PDB file of N, CA and C in Angstrom:
ATOM      1  N   UNK A   1     125.459 108.298 118.667  1.00  0.00           N
ATOM      2  CA  UNK A   1     124.247 108.275 117.879  1.00  0.00           C
ATOM      3  C   UNK A   1     124.147 109.572 117.082  1.00  0.00           C
ATOM      4  N   UNK A   2     123.639 109.472 115.858  1.00  0.00           N
ATOM      5  CA  UNK A   2     123.526 110.646 115.001  1.00  0.00           C
ATOM      6  C   UNK A   2     122.256 111.428 115.313  1.00  0.00           C
ATOM      7  N   UNK A   3     122.325 112.726 115.181  1.00  0.00           N
ATOM      8  CA  UNK A   3     121.194 113.598 115.501  1.00  0.00           C
ATOM      9  C   UNK A   3     120.015 113.385 114.555  1.00  0.00           C
ATOM     10  N   UNK A   4     120.268 112.830 113.381  1.00  0.00           N
ATOM     11  CA  UNK A   4     119.183 112.686 112.417  1.00  0.00           C
ATOM     12  C   UNK A   4     118.584 111.273 112.397  1.00  0.00           C
ATOM     13  N   UNK A   5     118.872 110.466 113.376  1.00  0.00           N
ATOM     14  CA  UNK A   5     118.307 109.119 113.412  1.00  0.00           C
ATOM     15  C   UNK A   5     116.873 109.155 113.895  1.00  0.00           C
ATOM     16  N   UNK A   6     116.107 108.156 113.516  1.00  0.00           N
ATOM     17  CA  UNK A   6     114.697 108.057 113.900  1.00  0.00           C
ATOM     18  C   UNK A   6     114.541 107.975 115.406  1.00  0.00           C
ATOM     19  N   UNK A   7     115.423 107.258 116.074  1.00  0.00           N
ATOM     20  CA  UNK A   7     115.316 107.101 117.520  1.00  0.00           C
ATOM     21  C   UNK A   7     115.426 108.444 118.234  1.00  0.00           C
ATOM     22  N   UNK A   8     116.278 109.319 117.761  1.00  0.00           N
ATOM     23  CA  UNK A   8     116.422 110.634 118.372  1.00  0.00           C
ATOM     24  C   UNK A   8     115.139 111.446 118.240  1.00  0.00           C
ATOM     25  N   UNK A   9     114.408 111.267 117.157  1.00  0.00           N
ATOM     26  CA  UNK A   9     113.182 112.042 116.965  1.00  0.00           C
ATOM     27  C   UNK A   9     112.079 111.571 117.903  1.00  0.00           C
ATOM     28  N   UNK A  10     112.264 110.422 118.557  1.00  0.00           N
ATOM     29  CA  UNK A  10     111.261 109.918 119.490  1.00  0.00           C
ATOM     30  C   UNK A  10     111.563 110.297 120.932  1.00  0.00           C
ATOM     31  N   UNK A  11     112.551 111.090 121.144  1.00  0.00           N
ATOM     32  CA  UNK A  11     112.923 111.545 122.480  1.00  0.00           C
ATOM     33  C   UNK A  11     111.920 112.588 122.975  1.00  0.00           C
ATOM     34  N   UNK A  12     111.629 112.606 124.275  1.00  0.00           N
ATOM     35  CA  UNK A  12     110.725 113.635 124.812  1.00  0.00           C
ATOM     36  C   UNK A  12     111.231 115.062 124.590  1.00  0.00           C
ATOM     37  N   UNK A  13     112.509 115.209 124.352  1.00  0.00           N
ATOM     38  CA  UNK A  13     113.085 116.542 124.161  1.00  0.00           C
ATOM     39  C   UNK A  13     112.974 117.058 122.731  1.00  0.00           C
ATOM     40  N   UNK A  14     112.520 116.249 121.806  1.00  0.00           N
ATOM     41  CA  UNK A  14     112.495 116.681 120.410  1.00  0.00           C
ATOM     42  C   UNK A  14     111.564 117.875 120.202  1.00  0.00           C
ATOM     43  N   UNK A  15     112.007 118.840 119.425  1.00  0.00           N
ATOM     44  CA  UNK A  15     111.132 119.980 119.123  1.00  0.00           C
ATOM     45  C   UNK A  15     109.939 119.577 118.242  1.00  0.00           C
ATOM     46  N   UNK A  16     109.975 118.374 117.693  1.00  0.00           N
ATOM     47  CA  UNK A  16     108.864 117.905 116.864  1.00  0.00           C
ATOM     48  C   UNK A  16     107.602 117.624 117.673  1.00  0.00           C
ATOM     49  N   UNK A  17     107.714 117.556 118.994  1.00  0.00           N
ATOM     50  CA  UNK A  17     106.525 117.334 119.833  1.00  0.00           C
ATOM     51  C   UNK A  17     105.497 118.427 119.573  1.00  0.00           C
ATOM     52  N   UNK A  18     105.928 119.662 119.493  1.00  0.00           N
ATOM     53  CA  UNK A  18     104.996 120.765 119.254  1.00  0.00           C
ATOM     54  C   UNK A  18     104.333 120.648 117.880  1.00  0.00           C
ATOM     55  N   UNK A  19     105.084 120.216 116.896  1.00  0.00           N
ATOM     56  CA  UNK A  19     104.517 120.018 115.559  1.00  0.00           C
ATOM     57  C   UNK A  19     103.531 118.856 115.576  1.00  0.00           C
ATOM     58  N   UNK A  20     103.874 117.792 116.293  1.00  0.00           N
ATOM     59  CA  UNK A  20     102.965 116.642 116.403  1.00  0.00           C
ATOM     60  C   UNK A  20     101.648 117.046 117.049  1.00  0.00           C
ATOM     61  N   UNK A  21     101.718 117.913 118.042  1.00  0.00           N
ATOM     62  CA  UNK A  21     100.498 118.400 118.697  1.00  0.00           C
ATOM     63  C   UNK A  21      99.631 119.150 117.697  1.00  0.00           C
ATOM     64  N   UNK A  22     100.247 119.919 116.828  1.00  0.00           N
ATOM     65  CA  UNK A  22      99.485 120.621 115.783  1.00  0.00           C
ATOM     66  C   UNK A  22      98.819 119.633 114.823  1.00  0.00           C
ATOM     67  N   UNK A  23      99.525 118.558 114.502  1.00  0.00           N
ATOM     68  CA  UNK A  23      98.930 117.520 113.647  1.00  0.00           C
ATOM     69  C   UNK A  23      97.720 116.914 114.346  1.00  0.00           C
ATOM     70  N   UNK A  24      97.849 116.619 115.629  1.00  0.00           N
ATOM     71  CA  UNK A  24      96.705 116.080 116.378  1.00  0.00           C
ATOM     72  C   UNK A  24      95.544 117.074 116.399  1.00  0.00           C
ATOM     73  N   UNK A  25      95.851 118.365 116.541  1.00  0.00           N
ATOM     74  CA  UNK A  25      94.782 119.380 116.522  1.00  0.00           C
ATOM     75  C   UNK A  25      94.050 119.356 115.181  1.00  0.00           C
ATOM     76  N   UNK A  26      94.810 119.273 114.105  1.00  0.00           N
ATOM     77  CA  UNK A  26      94.183 119.225 112.780  1.00  0.00           C
ATOM     78  C   UNK A  26      93.326 117.973 112.613  1.00  0.00           C
ATOM     79  N   UNK A  27      93.785 116.877 113.172  1.00  0.00           N
ATOM     80  CA  UNK A  27      93.052 115.619 113.031  1.00  0.00           C
ATOM     81  C   UNK A  27      91.984 115.449 114.104  1.00  0.00           C
ATOM     82  N   UNK A  28      91.769 116.458 114.931  1.00  0.00           N
ATOM     83  CA  UNK A  28      90.741 116.359 115.966  1.00  0.00           C
ATOM     84  C   UNK A  28      89.361 116.738 115.434  1.00  0.00           C
ATOM     85  N   UNK A  29      89.253 116.904 114.140  1.00  0.00           N
ATOM     86  CA  UNK A  29      87.987 117.232 113.501  1.00  0.00           C
ATOM     87  C   UNK A  29      87.493 116.024 112.705  1.00  0.00           C
ATOM     88  N   UNK A  30      86.244 115.622 112.938  1.00  0.00           N
ATOM     89  CA  UNK A  30      85.705 114.416 112.305  1.00  0.00           C
ATOM     90  C   UNK A  30      85.712 114.507 110.781  1.00  0.00           C
ATOM     91  N   UNK A  31      85.431 115.668 110.230  1.00  0.00           N
ATOM     92  CA  UNK A  31      85.432 115.801 108.764  1.00  0.00           C
ATOM     93  C   UNK A  31      86.823 115.568 108.210  1.00  0.00           C
ATOM     94  N   UNK A  32      87.839 116.102 108.865  1.00  0.00           N
ATOM     95  CA  UNK A  32      89.206 115.913 108.370  1.00  0.00           C
ATOM     96  C   UNK A  32      89.645 114.460 108.499  1.00  0.00           C
ATOM     97  N   UNK A  33      89.240 113.786 109.566  1.00  0.00           N
ATOM     98  CA  UNK A  33      89.555 112.359 109.700  1.00  0.00           C
ATOM     99  C   UNK A  33      88.872 111.585 108.574  1.00  0.00           C
ATOM    100  N   UNK A  34      87.622 111.923 108.289  1.00  0.00           N
ATOM    101  CA  UNK A  34      86.900 111.243 107.202  1.00  0.00           C
ATOM    102  C   UNK A  34      87.541 111.515 105.838  1.00  0.00           C
ATOM    103  N   UNK A  35      88.067 112.715 105.648  1.00  0.00           N
ATOM    104  CA  UNK A  35      88.778 113.025 104.403  1.00  0.00           C
ATOM    105  C   UNK A  35      90.001 112.128 104.268  1.00  0.00           C
ATOM    106  N   UNK A  36      90.778 112.007 105.336  1.00  0.00           N
ATOM    107  CA  UNK A  36      91.968 111.137 105.307  1.00  0.00           C
ATOM    108  C   UNK A  36      91.558 109.712 104.940  1.00  0.00           C
ATOM    109  N   UNK A  37      90.496 109.216 105.562  1.00  0.00           N
ATOM    110  CA  UNK A  37      90.029 107.851 105.272  1.00  0.00           C
ATOM    111  C   UNK A  37      89.532 107.733 103.835  1.00  0.00           C
ATOM    112  N   UNK A  38      88.855 108.738 103.334  1.00  0.00           N
ATOM    113  CA  UNK A  38      88.338 108.691 101.963  1.00  0.00           C
ATOM    114  C   UNK A  38      89.475 108.686 100.942  1.00  0.00           C
ATOM    115  N   UNK A  39      90.589 109.310 101.277  1.00  0.00           N
ATOM    116  CA  UNK A  39      91.721 109.396 100.351  1.00  0.00           C
ATOM    117  C   UNK A  39      92.658 108.197 100.427  1.00  0.00           C
ATOM    118  N   UNK A  40      92.326 107.205 101.248  1.00  0.00           N
ATOM    119  CA  UNK A  40      93.247 106.071 101.433  1.00  0.00           C
ATOM    120  C   UNK A  40      93.483 105.280 100.152  1.00  0.00           C
ATOM    121  N   UNK A  41      92.532 105.282  99.240  1.00  0.00           N
ATOM    122  CA  UNK A  41      92.688 104.502  98.009  1.00  0.00           C
ATOM    123  C   UNK A  41      93.139 105.325  96.810  1.00  0.00           C
ATOM    124  N   UNK A  42      93.377 106.608  97.013  1.00  0.00           N
ATOM    125  CA  UNK A  42      93.857 107.427  95.905  1.00  0.00           C
ATOM    126  C   UNK A  42      93.201 108.789  95.868  1.00  0.00           C
ATOM    127  N   UNK A  43      93.541 109.546  94.833  1.00  0.00           N
ATOM    128  CA  UNK A  43      93.095 110.926  94.760  1.00  0.00           C
ATOM    129  C   UNK A  43      91.618 111.046  94.407  1.00  0.00           C
ATOM    130  N   UNK A  44      91.027 112.131  94.918  1.00  0.00           N
ATOM    131  CA  UNK A  44      89.619 112.428  94.681  1.00  0.00           C
ATOM    132  C   UNK A  44      89.454 113.934  94.502  1.00  0.00           C
ATOM    133  N   UNK A  45      88.449 114.310  93.754  1.00  0.00           N
ATOM    134  CA  UNK A  45      88.136 115.728  93.594  1.00  0.00           C
ATOM    135  C   UNK A  45      87.383 116.229  94.824  1.00  0.00           C
ATOM    136  N   UNK A  46      87.314 117.529  94.971  1.00  0.00           N
ATOM    137  CA  UNK A  46      86.579 118.136  96.075  1.00  0.00           C
ATOM    138  C   UNK A  46      85.116 117.697  96.014  1.00  0.00           C
ATOM    139  N   UNK A  47      84.531 117.738  94.824  1.00  0.00           N
ATOM    140  CA  UNK A  47      83.116 117.370  94.694  1.00  0.00           C
ATOM    141  C   UNK A  47      82.876 115.906  95.043  1.00  0.00           C
ATOM    142  N   UNK A  48      83.778 115.034  94.647  1.00  0.00           N
ATOM    143  CA  UNK A  48      83.629 113.611  94.982  1.00  0.00           C
ATOM    144  C   UNK A  48      83.748 113.418  96.498  1.00  0.00           C
ATOM    145  N   UNK A  49      84.710 114.093  97.105  1.00  0.00           N
ATOM    146  CA  UNK A  49      84.845 114.031  98.566  1.00  0.00           C
ATOM    147  C   UNK A  49      83.582 114.565  99.248  1.00  0.00           C
ATOM    148  N   UNK A  50      83.045 115.661  98.737  1.00  0.00           N
ATOM    149  CA  UNK A  50      81.826 116.239  99.313  1.00  0.00           C
ATOM    150  C   UNK A  50      80.673 115.243  99.236  1.00  0.00           C
ATOM    151  N   UNK A  51      80.572 114.531  98.106  1.00  0.00           N
ATOM    152  CA  UNK A  51      79.524 113.511  97.976  1.00  0.00           C
ATOM    153  C   UNK A  51      79.731 112.372  98.966  1.00  0.00           C
ATOM    154  N   UNK A  52      80.958 111.894  99.087  1.00  0.00           N
ATOM    155  CA  UNK A  52      81.267 110.794 100.008  1.00  0.00           C
ATOM    156  C   UNK A  52      80.941 111.190 101.443  1.00  0.00           C
ATOM    157  N   UNK A  53      81.298 112.407 101.815  1.00  0.00           N
ATOM    158  CA  UNK A  53      81.145 112.872 103.191  1.00  0.00           C
ATOM    159  C   UNK A  53      79.775 113.487 103.466  1.00  0.00           C
ATOM    160  N   UNK A  54      78.996 113.677 102.405  1.00  0.00           N
ATOM    161  CA  UNK A  54      77.683 114.316 102.516  1.00  0.00           C
ATOM    162  C   UNK A  54      77.808 115.682 103.197  1.00  0.00           C
ATOM    163  N   UNK A  55      78.762 116.457 102.696  1.00  0.00           N
ATOM    164  CA  UNK A  55      79.040 117.801 103.198  1.00  0.00           C
ATOM    165  C   UNK A  55      79.102 118.746 102.005  1.00  0.00           C
ATOM    166  N   UNK A  56      78.855 120.038 102.215  1.00  0.00           N
ATOM    167  CA  UNK A  56      78.983 120.997 101.119  1.00  0.00           C
ATOM    168  C   UNK A  56      80.428 121.069 100.610  1.00  0.00           C
ATOM    169  N   UNK A  57      80.570 121.215  99.312  1.00  0.00           N
ATOM    170  CA  UNK A  57      81.902 121.280  98.709  1.00  0.00           C
ATOM    171  C   UNK A  57      82.736 122.411  99.305  1.00  0.00           C
ATOM    172  N   UNK A  58      82.110 123.545  99.600  1.00  0.00           N
ATOM    173  CA  UNK A  58      82.844 124.683 100.181  1.00  0.00           C
ATOM    174  C   UNK A  58      83.431 124.310 101.540  1.00  0.00           C
ATOM    175  N   UNK A  59      82.679 123.577 102.337  1.00  0.00           N
ATOM    176  CA  UNK A  59      83.161 123.145 103.656  1.00  0.00           C
ATOM    177  C   UNK A  59      84.322 122.167 103.501  1.00  0.00           C
ATOM    178  N   UNK A  60      84.166 121.202 102.605  1.00  0.00           N
ATOM    179  CA  UNK A  60      85.230 120.223 102.356  1.00  0.00           C
ATOM    180  C   UNK A  60      86.488 120.934 101.867  1.00  0.00           C
ATOM    181  N   UNK A  61      86.308 121.907 101.011  1.00  0.00           N
ATOM    182  CA  UNK A  61      87.442 122.666 100.483  1.00  0.00           C
ATOM    183  C   UNK A  61      88.201 123.382 101.598  1.00  0.00           C
ATOM    184  N   UNK A  62      87.480 123.944 102.568  1.00  0.00           N
ATOM    185  CA  UNK A  62      88.131 124.609 103.694  1.00  0.00           C
ATOM    186  C   UNK A  62      88.933 123.614 104.535  1.00  0.00           C
ATOM    187  N   UNK A  63      88.374 122.442 104.758  1.00  0.00           N
ATOM    188  CA  UNK A  63      89.097 121.419 105.512  1.00  0.00           C
ATOM    189  C   UNK A  63      90.330 120.957 104.740  1.00  0.00           C
ATOM    190  N   UNK A  64      90.189 120.795 103.440  1.00  0.00           N
ATOM    191  CA  UNK A  64      91.329 120.390 102.615  1.00  0.00           C
ATOM    192  C   UNK A  64      92.437 121.448 102.663  1.00  0.00           C
ATOM    193  N   UNK A  65      92.065 122.712 102.701  1.00  0.00           N
ATOM    194  CA  UNK A  65      93.070 123.780 102.780  1.00  0.00           C
ATOM    195  C   UNK A  65      93.899 123.642 104.053  1.00  0.00           C
ATOM    196  N   UNK A  66      93.244 123.309 105.156  1.00  0.00           N
ATOM    197  CA  UNK A  66      93.978 123.120 106.415  1.00  0.00           C
ATOM    198  C   UNK A  66      94.880 121.903 106.347  1.00  0.00           C
ATOM    199  N   UNK A  67      94.382 120.821 105.763  1.00  0.00           N
ATOM    200  CA  UNK A  67      95.206 119.613 105.624  1.00  0.00           C
ATOM    201  C   UNK A  67      96.377 119.861 104.675  1.00  0.00           C
ATOM    202  N   UNK A  68      96.131 120.672 103.674  1.00  0.00           N
ATOM    203  CA  UNK A  68      97.192 121.017 102.731  1.00  0.00           C
ATOM    204  C   UNK A  68      98.250 121.888 103.404  1.00  0.00           C
ATOM    205  N   UNK A  69      97.806 122.839 104.222  1.00  0.00           N
ATOM    206  CA  UNK A  69      98.724 123.699 104.963  1.00  0.00           C
ATOM    207  C   UNK A  69      99.658 122.856 105.837  1.00  0.00           C
ATOM    208  N   UNK A  70      99.113 121.796 106.417  1.00  0.00           N
ATOM    209  CA  UNK A  70      99.901 120.913 107.286  1.00  0.00           C
ATOM    210  C   UNK A  70     100.702 119.881 106.497  1.00  0.00           C
ATOM    211  N   UNK A  71     100.595 119.931 105.196  1.00  0.00           N
ATOM    212  CA  UNK A  71     101.300 119.002 104.300  1.00  0.00           C
ATOM    213  C   UNK A  71     100.869 117.552 104.506  1.00  0.00           C
ATOM    214  N   UNK A  72      99.572 117.370 104.844  1.00  0.00           N
ATOM    215  CA  UNK A  72      99.026 116.015 104.970  1.00  0.00           C
ATOM    216  C   UNK A  72      98.394 115.555 103.668  1.00  0.00           C
ATOM    217  N   UNK A  73      97.919 116.514 102.868  1.00  0.00           N
ATOM    218  CA  UNK A  73      97.365 116.194 101.551  1.00  0.00           C
ATOM    219  C   UNK A  73      98.044 117.067 100.505  1.00  0.00           C
ATOM    220  N   UNK A  74      97.961 116.596  99.282  1.00  0.00           N
ATOM    221  CA  UNK A  74      98.557 117.281  98.136  1.00  0.00           C
ATOM    222  C   UNK A  74      97.453 117.542  97.120  1.00  0.00           C
ATOM    223  N   UNK A  75      97.492 118.677  96.459  1.00  0.00           N
ATOM    224  CA  UNK A  75      96.511 119.007  95.424  1.00  0.00           C
ATOM    225  C   UNK A  75      97.168 118.941  94.056  1.00  0.00           C
ATOM    226  N   UNK A  76      96.416 118.393  93.103  1.00  0.00           N
ATOM    227  CA  UNK A  76      96.859 118.362  91.708  1.00  0.00           C
ATOM    228  C   UNK A  76      95.780 119.038  90.878  1.00  0.00           C
ATOM    229  N   UNK A  77      96.165 120.051  90.137  1.00  0.00           N
ATOM    230  CA  UNK A  77      95.215 120.765  89.290  1.00  0.00           C
ATOM    231  C   UNK A  77      95.077 120.058  87.947  1.00  0.00           C
ATOM    232  N   UNK A  78      93.851 119.938  87.497  1.00  0.00           N
ATOM    233  CA  UNK A  78      93.558 119.411  86.163  1.00  0.00           C
ATOM    234  C   UNK A  78      92.505 120.331  85.569  1.00  0.00           C
ATOM    235  N   UNK A  79      92.971 121.322  84.819  1.00  0.00           N
ATOM    236  CA  UNK A  79      92.060 122.350  84.331  1.00  0.00           C
ATOM    237  C   UNK A  79      91.572 123.180  85.502  1.00  0.00           C
ATOM    238  N   UNK A  80      90.249 123.266  85.652  1.00  0.00           N
ATOM    239  CA  UNK A  80      89.706 124.043  86.766  1.00  0.00           C
ATOM    240  C   UNK A  80      89.302 123.157  87.945  1.00  0.00           C
ATOM    241  N   UNK A  81      89.681 121.903  87.921  1.00  0.00           N
ATOM    242  CA  UNK A  81      89.363 120.974  89.012  1.00  0.00           C
ATOM    243  C   UNK A  81      90.637 120.616  89.773  1.00  0.00           C
ATOM    244  N   UNK A  82      90.479 120.468  91.078  1.00  0.00           N
ATOM    245  CA  UNK A  82      91.595 120.056  91.931  1.00  0.00           C
ATOM    246  C   UNK A  82      91.326 118.646  92.425  1.00  0.00           C
ATOM    247  N   UNK A  83      92.348 117.830  92.386  1.00  0.00           N
ATOM    248  CA  UNK A  83      92.280 116.466  92.898  1.00  0.00           C
ATOM    249  C   UNK A  83      93.242 116.362  94.076  1.00  0.00           C
ATOM    250  N   UNK A  84      92.753 115.777  95.141  1.00  0.00           N
ATOM    251  CA  UNK A  84      93.542 115.684  96.375  1.00  0.00           C
ATOM    252  C   UNK A  84      93.955 114.250  96.642  1.00  0.00           C
ATOM    253  N   UNK A  85      95.140 114.114  97.226  1.00  0.00           N
ATOM    254  CA  UNK A  85      95.648 112.802  97.628  1.00  0.00           C
ATOM    255  C   UNK A  85      96.474 112.985  98.895  1.00  0.00           C
ATOM    256  N   UNK A  86      96.709 111.881  99.585  1.00  0.00           N
ATOM    257  CA  UNK A  86      97.559 111.913 100.772  1.00  0.00           C
ATOM    258  C   UNK A  86      99.005 112.111 100.341  1.00  0.00           C
ATOM    259  N   UNK A  87      99.748 112.894 101.090  1.00  0.00           N
ATOM    260  CA  UNK A  87     101.158 113.122 100.784  1.00  0.00           C
ATOM    261  C   UNK A  87     101.943 111.824 100.967  1.00  0.00           C
ATOM    262  N   UNK A  88     101.651 111.102 102.036  1.00  0.00           N
ATOM    263  CA  UNK A  88     102.300 109.826 102.314  1.00  0.00           C
ATOM    264  C   UNK A  88     101.371 109.006 103.205  1.00  0.00           C
ATOM    265  N   UNK A  89     101.843 107.888 103.699  1.00  0.00           N
ATOM    266  CA  UNK A  89     100.997 106.976 104.482  1.00  0.00           C
ATOM    267  C   UNK A  89     100.880 107.352 105.958  1.00  0.00           C
ATOM    268  N   UNK A  90     101.646 108.328 106.416  1.00  0.00           N
ATOM    269  CA  UNK A  90     101.707 108.615 107.851  1.00  0.00           C
ATOM    270  C   UNK A  90     100.386 109.113 108.436  1.00  0.00           C
ATOM    271  N   UNK A  91      99.717 110.041 107.769  1.00  0.00           N
ATOM    272  CA  UNK A  91      98.441 110.550 108.297  1.00  0.00           C
ATOM    273  C   UNK A  91      97.421 109.424 108.396  1.00  0.00           C
ATOM    274  N   UNK A  92      97.389 108.559 107.394  1.00  0.00           N
ATOM    275  CA  UNK A  92      96.464 107.429 107.429  1.00  0.00           C
ATOM    276  C   UNK A  92      96.817 106.481 108.570  1.00  0.00           C
ATOM    277  N   UNK A  93      98.096 106.265 108.809  1.00  0.00           N
ATOM    278  CA  UNK A  93      98.505 105.395 109.919  1.00  0.00           C
ATOM    279  C   UNK A  93      98.081 105.977 111.256  1.00  0.00           C
ATOM    280  N   UNK A  94      98.212 107.294 111.427  1.00  0.00           N
ATOM    281  CA  UNK A  94      97.786 107.940 112.676  1.00  0.00           C
ATOM    282  C   UNK A  94      96.287 107.756 112.859  1.00  0.00           C
ATOM    283  N   UNK A  95      95.516 107.972 111.798  1.00  0.00           N
ATOM    284  CA  UNK A  95      94.061 107.825 111.877  1.00  0.00           C
ATOM    285  C   UNK A  95      93.687 106.377 112.169  1.00  0.00           C
ATOM    286  N   UNK A  96      94.330 105.432 111.510  1.00  0.00           N
ATOM    287  CA  UNK A  96      94.031 104.015 111.763  1.00  0.00           C
ATOM    288  C   UNK A  96      94.320 103.646 113.215  1.00  0.00           C
ATOM    289  N   UNK A  97      95.451 104.095 113.738  1.00  0.00           N
ATOM    290  CA  UNK A  97      95.796 103.800 115.131  1.00  0.00           C
ATOM    291  C   UNK A  97      94.791 104.442 116.092  1.00  0.00           C
ATOM    292  N   UNK A  98      94.344 105.645 115.779  1.00  0.00           N
ATOM    293  CA  UNK A  98      93.336 106.300 116.615  1.00  0.00           C
ATOM    294  C   UNK A  98      92.027 105.516 116.608  1.00  0.00           C
ATOM    295  N   UNK A  99      91.648 104.973 115.446  1.00  0.00           N
ATOM    296  CA  UNK A  99      90.423 104.175 115.362  1.00  0.00           C
ATOM    297  C   UNK A  99      90.568 102.871 116.149  1.00  0.00           C
ATOM    298  N   UNK A 100      91.739 102.261 116.100  1.00  0.00           N
ATOM    299  CA  UNK A 100      91.970 101.052 116.896  1.00  0.00           C
ATOM    300  C   UNK A 100      91.906 101.376 118.386  1.00  0.00           C
ATOM    301  N   UNK A 101      92.470 102.518 118.772  1.00  0.00           N
ATOM    302  CA  UNK A 101      92.397 102.934 120.170  1.00  0.00           C
ATOM    303  C   UNK A 101      90.953 103.224 120.561  1.00  0.00           C
ATOM    304  N   UNK A 102      90.184 103.798 119.649  1.00  0.00           N
ATOM    305  CA  UNK A 102      88.773 104.087 119.919  1.00  0.00           C
ATOM    306  C   UNK A 102      87.996 102.803 120.189  1.00  0.00           C
ATOM    307  N   UNK A 103      88.357 101.725 119.495  1.00  0.00           N
ATOM    308  CA  UNK A 103      87.700 100.435 119.752  1.00  0.00           C
ATOM    309  C   UNK A 103      87.888 100.018 121.210  1.00  0.00           C
ATOM    310  N   UNK A 104      89.053 100.299 121.766  1.00  0.00           N
ATOM    311  CA  UNK A 104      89.310  99.972 123.178  1.00  0.00           C
ATOM    312  C   UNK A 104      88.411 100.784 124.105  1.00  0.00           C
ATOM    313  N   UNK A 105      88.069 101.987 123.689  1.00  0.00           N
ATOM    314  CA  UNK A 105      87.233 102.856 124.516  1.00  0.00           C
ATOM    315  C   UNK A 105      85.778 102.402 124.560  1.00  0.00           C
ATOM    316  N   UNK A 106      85.346 101.681 123.530  1.00  0.00           N
ATOM    317  CA  UNK A 106      83.931 101.292 123.465  1.00  0.00           C
ATOM    318  C   UNK A 106      83.703  99.804 123.677  1.00  0.00           C
ATOM    319  N   UNK A 107      84.767  99.016 123.701  1.00  0.00           N
ATOM    320  CA  UNK A 107      84.610  97.568 123.828  1.00  0.00           C
ATOM    321  C   UNK A 107      85.756  97.001 124.670  1.00  0.00           C
ATOM    322  N   UNK A 108      85.418  96.241 125.666  1.00  0.00           N
ATOM    323  CA  UNK A 108      86.437  95.637 126.524  1.00  0.00           C
ATOM    324  C   UNK A 108      87.318  94.658 125.733  1.00  0.00           C
ATOM    325  N   UNK A 109      86.717  93.990 124.749  1.00  0.00           N
ATOM    326  CA  UNK A 109      87.456  93.062 123.885  1.00  0.00           C
ATOM    327  C   UNK A 109      87.277  93.526 122.429  1.00  0.00           C
ATOM    328  N   UNK A 110      88.087  94.483 121.987  1.00  0.00           N
ATOM    329  CA  UNK A 110      87.920  95.021 120.637  1.00  0.00           C
ATOM    330  C   UNK A 110      88.104  93.950 119.562  1.00  0.00           C
ATOM    331  N   UNK A 111      87.411  94.149 118.474  1.00  0.00           N
ATOM    332  CA  UNK A 111      87.423  93.187 117.373  1.00  0.00           C
ATOM    333  C   UNK A 111      88.834  92.959 116.817  1.00  0.00           C
ATOM    334  N   UNK A 112      89.675  93.979 116.822  1.00  0.00           N
ATOM    335  CA  UNK A 112      91.017  93.812 116.255  1.00  0.00           C
ATOM    336  C   UNK A 112      91.906  92.923 117.129  1.00  0.00           C
ATOM    337  N   UNK A 113      91.460  92.547 118.313  1.00  0.00           N
ATOM    338  CA  UNK A 113      92.218  91.627 119.160  1.00  0.00           C
ATOM    339  C   UNK A 113      91.696  90.197 119.056  1.00  0.00           C
ATOM    340  N   UNK A 114      90.618  90.021 118.337  1.00  0.00           N
ATOM    341  CA  UNK A 114      90.005  88.678 118.228  1.00  0.00           C
ATOM    342  C   UNK A 114      90.798  87.790 117.294  1.00  0.00           C
TER     343      UNK A 114
END
């Protein structure tokens, strides 16, 4: 088996476990999870995200900086405005799976199993 195959990266010995834990830490904040969900349909400005989340733009900007540091979101400058988008579908998939798991925590028969 080749060292760069997907199956090898799922081994308990992979050094990516520590990086994955950091991703979970970043996504353990409700505002950042909401940002990921808000960006599922495409790029948005900081102000638009702040309106959607009903949070101050400065706070949203700080959360976006952390998501950007982790390479979960990408920023595109247009003049003096920044537009943010998801780097790829993986962060959204993690959030969606967490929400499905959350349904199990609150309902014995979650709606996604109906």
